[in-house]
Amino acid sequence: MLSLSTDPIDDRALRAEHHAHTAGALVVFEGIVRNFSMGREVTHLEYEATPALANAEYECIVQEASRHYPLIWIRCVHRIGLVRPGETAIWLGVATGHRAEAFEACRYVIDHIKARLPIWKKEHYTDGDSGWINAP
């Protein structure tokens, strides 16, 4: 399941969701907003998304991943709106029976999320300038 949220990500609640499952391994990726990018100081990021398209593409990614890895549980929350340095922009948890496949599946899913989901990031800099990153 993919959730898009303007609220801070609650990693404890997300980990608690996992405890209902009997997976042998849980790999978590947390994308944290940096205060610098390309040699510039960042004040905040602004994320925009097309929710219906993002959810549909996320489901395709999960289906693809499940053909390669024995997924037991998977959960993703991505922030939208304003996100400040030090805050989590994306949380992805992937559970499988064993650690190697959990690491591989997590890497597969996050790489495809970054490449394919219609979620756009605008960086805002201390000099007042801003710019879209990897926007189509």
Protein backbone atom coordinates (compact mmCIF):
# COMPACT_ATOMS: atom_id res chain seq x y z
CA MET A 1 0.00 0.00 0.00
CA LEU A 2 1.17 3.53 -0.86
CA SER A 3 0.08 6.50 1.22
CA LEU A 4 0.69 10.12 0.30
CA SER A 5 0.69 12.38 3.32
CA THR A 6 1.20 16.01 4.25
CA ASP A 7 1.84 14.88 7.84
CA PRO A 8 5.22 13.78 9.23
CA ILE A 9 5.87 10.07 8.78
CA ASP A 10 5.39 7.97 11.93
CA ASP A 11 7.97 5.21 11.55
CA ARG A 12 6.94 3.56 14.85
CA ALA A 13 3.36 3.12 13.67
CA LEU A 14 4.58 1.72 10.36
CA ARG A 15 6.87 -0.78 12.09
CA ALA A 16 3.94 -1.78 14.32
CA GLU A 17 1.92 -2.65 11.19
CA HIS A 18 4.67 -5.10 10.27
CA HIS A 19 4.53 -6.93 13.60
CA ALA A 20 1.31 -8.63 12.55
CA HIS A 21 3.31 -10.64 10.01
CA THR A 22 5.78 -13.49 10.46
CA ALA A 23 8.49 -12.38 8.06
CA GLY A 24 12.06 -13.28 8.92
CA ALA A 25 13.47 -9.98 7.63
CA LEU A 26 12.29 -6.40 7.43
CA VAL A 27 14.35 -3.87 5.50
CA VAL A 28 13.40 -0.22 5.89
CA PHE A 29 14.51 2.62 3.68
CA GLU A 30 13.99 6.17 4.92
CA GLY A 31 14.71 9.02 2.54
CA ILE A 32 15.73 12.01 4.65
CA VAL A 33 15.73 15.57 3.29
CA ARG A 34 19.27 17.01 3.14
CA ASN A 35 20.08 20.66 3.81
CA PHE A 36 22.26 20.82 0.68
CA SER A 37 22.01 19.82 -2.97
CA MET A 38 24.37 20.38 -5.88
CA GLY A 39 26.51 22.74 -3.77
CA ARG A 40 23.56 24.83 -2.61
CA GLU A 41 21.95 25.15 0.82
CA VAL A 42 18.35 23.88 0.86
CA THR A 43 15.69 25.42 3.11
CA HIS A 44 12.94 22.94 2.23
CA LEU A 45 11.48 20.70 -0.45
CA GLU A 46 8.03 20.82 -1.93
CA TYR A 47 6.53 17.59 -3.29
CA GLU A 48 3.59 17.39 -5.69
CA ALA A 49 1.88 14.20 -6.79
CA THR A 50 -0.94 12.84 -8.87
CA PRO A 51 -2.41 10.43 -6.26
CA ALA A 52 -4.45 8.13 -8.51
CA LEU A 53 -1.60 7.69 -10.99
CA ALA A 54 0.98 7.31 -8.21
CA ASN A 55 -1.06 4.57 -6.53
CA ALA A 56 -1.64 2.73 -9.81
CA GLU A 57 2.05 2.83 -10.75
CA TYR A 58 3.08 1.79 -7.23
CA GLU A 59 0.81 -1.27 -7.51
CA CYS A 60 2.49 -2.16 -10.82
CA ILE A 61 5.91 -1.89 -9.16
CA VAL A 62 4.83 -4.12 -6.28
CA GLN A 63 3.40 -6.69 -8.69
CA GLU A 64 6.67 -6.72 -10.63
CA ALA A 65 8.70 -7.04 -7.41
CA SER A 66 6.51 -9.91 -6.23
CA ARG A 67 7.38 -11.85 -9.38
CA HIS A 68 11.10 -11.59 -8.47
CA TYR A 69 11.01 -11.70 -4.66
CA PRO A 70 8.81 -13.56 -2.13
CA LEU A 71 7.25 -10.48 -0.56
CA ILE A 72 5.38 -11.03 2.68
CA TRP A 73 4.63 -7.41 3.49
CA ILE A 74 5.36 -4.08 1.85
CA ARG A 75 4.37 -0.55 2.83
CA CYS A 76 5.31 2.90 1.55
CA VAL A 77 4.50 6.41 2.73
CA HIS A 78 5.64 9.42 0.70
CA ARG A 79 5.31 12.98 1.90
CA ILE A 80 3.74 15.63 -0.27
CA GLY A 81 3.72 19.36 0.36
CA LEU A 82 6.47 21.09 2.31
CA VAL A 83 9.21 18.92 3.86
CA ARG A 84 12.16 20.39 5.77
CA PRO A 85 15.75 19.15 6.10
CA GLY A 86 16.01 16.34 8.63
CA GLU A 87 12.45 15.16 7.98
CA THR A 88 11.63 11.86 6.30
CA ALA A 89 10.33 12.33 2.76
CA ILE A 90 9.71 8.63 2.04
CA TRP A 91 9.47 5.50 4.17
CA LEU A 92 9.52 2.07 2.56
CA GLY A 93 9.35 -1.21 4.46
CA VAL A 94 9.82 -4.56 2.72
CA ALA A 95 9.48 -7.88 4.53
CA THR A 96 10.46 -11.30 3.23
CA GLY A 97 11.46 -14.62 4.74
CA HIS A 98 15.20 -13.93 4.55
CA ARG A 99 17.47 -10.88 4.68
CA ALA A 100 19.11 -11.11 1.24
CA GLU A 101 15.82 -11.04 -0.63
CA ALA A 102 14.47 -8.29 1.66
CA PHE A 103 17.48 -6.06 0.83
CA GLU A 104 17.20 -6.82 -2.89
CA ALA A 105 13.44 -6.27 -3.00
CA CYS A 106 13.71 -2.99 -1.08
CA ARG A 107 16.36 -1.73 -3.50
CA TYR A 108 14.27 -2.80 -6.49
CA VAL A 109 11.12 -1.08 -5.22
CA ILE A 110 12.76 2.21 -4.14
CA ASP A 111 14.67 2.50 -7.41
CA HIS A 112 11.46 2.04 -9.39
CA ILE A 113 9.50 4.43 -7.16
CA LYS A 114 12.11 7.13 -7.76
CA ALA A 115 12.13 6.51 -11.52
CA ARG A 116 8.43 5.96 -12.23
CA LEU A 117 6.04 7.50 -9.71
CA PRO A 118 4.43 10.80 -10.71
CA ILE A 119 5.79 12.61 -7.64
CA TRP A 120 7.77 15.78 -8.32
CA LYS A 121 10.25 17.55 -6.06
CA LYS A 122 10.98 21.26 -5.98
CA GLU A 123 14.03 22.41 -4.01
CA HIS A 124 14.02 25.80 -2.29
CA TYR A 125 17.39 27.41 -1.55
CA THR A 126 18.61 29.94 1.01
CA ASP A 127 19.23 32.54 -1.73
CA GLY A 128 15.47 32.55 -2.52
CA ASP A 129 15.83 30.59 -5.74
CA SER A 130 14.04 27.29 -6.34
CA GLY A 131 13.92 24.61 -8.99
CA TRP A 132 12.20 21.37 -9.93
CA ILE A 133 14.41 18.30 -9.73
CA ASN A 134 14.05 15.49 -12.30
CA ALA A 135 10.71 16.87 -13.46
CA PRO A 136 9.42 15.75 -16.86
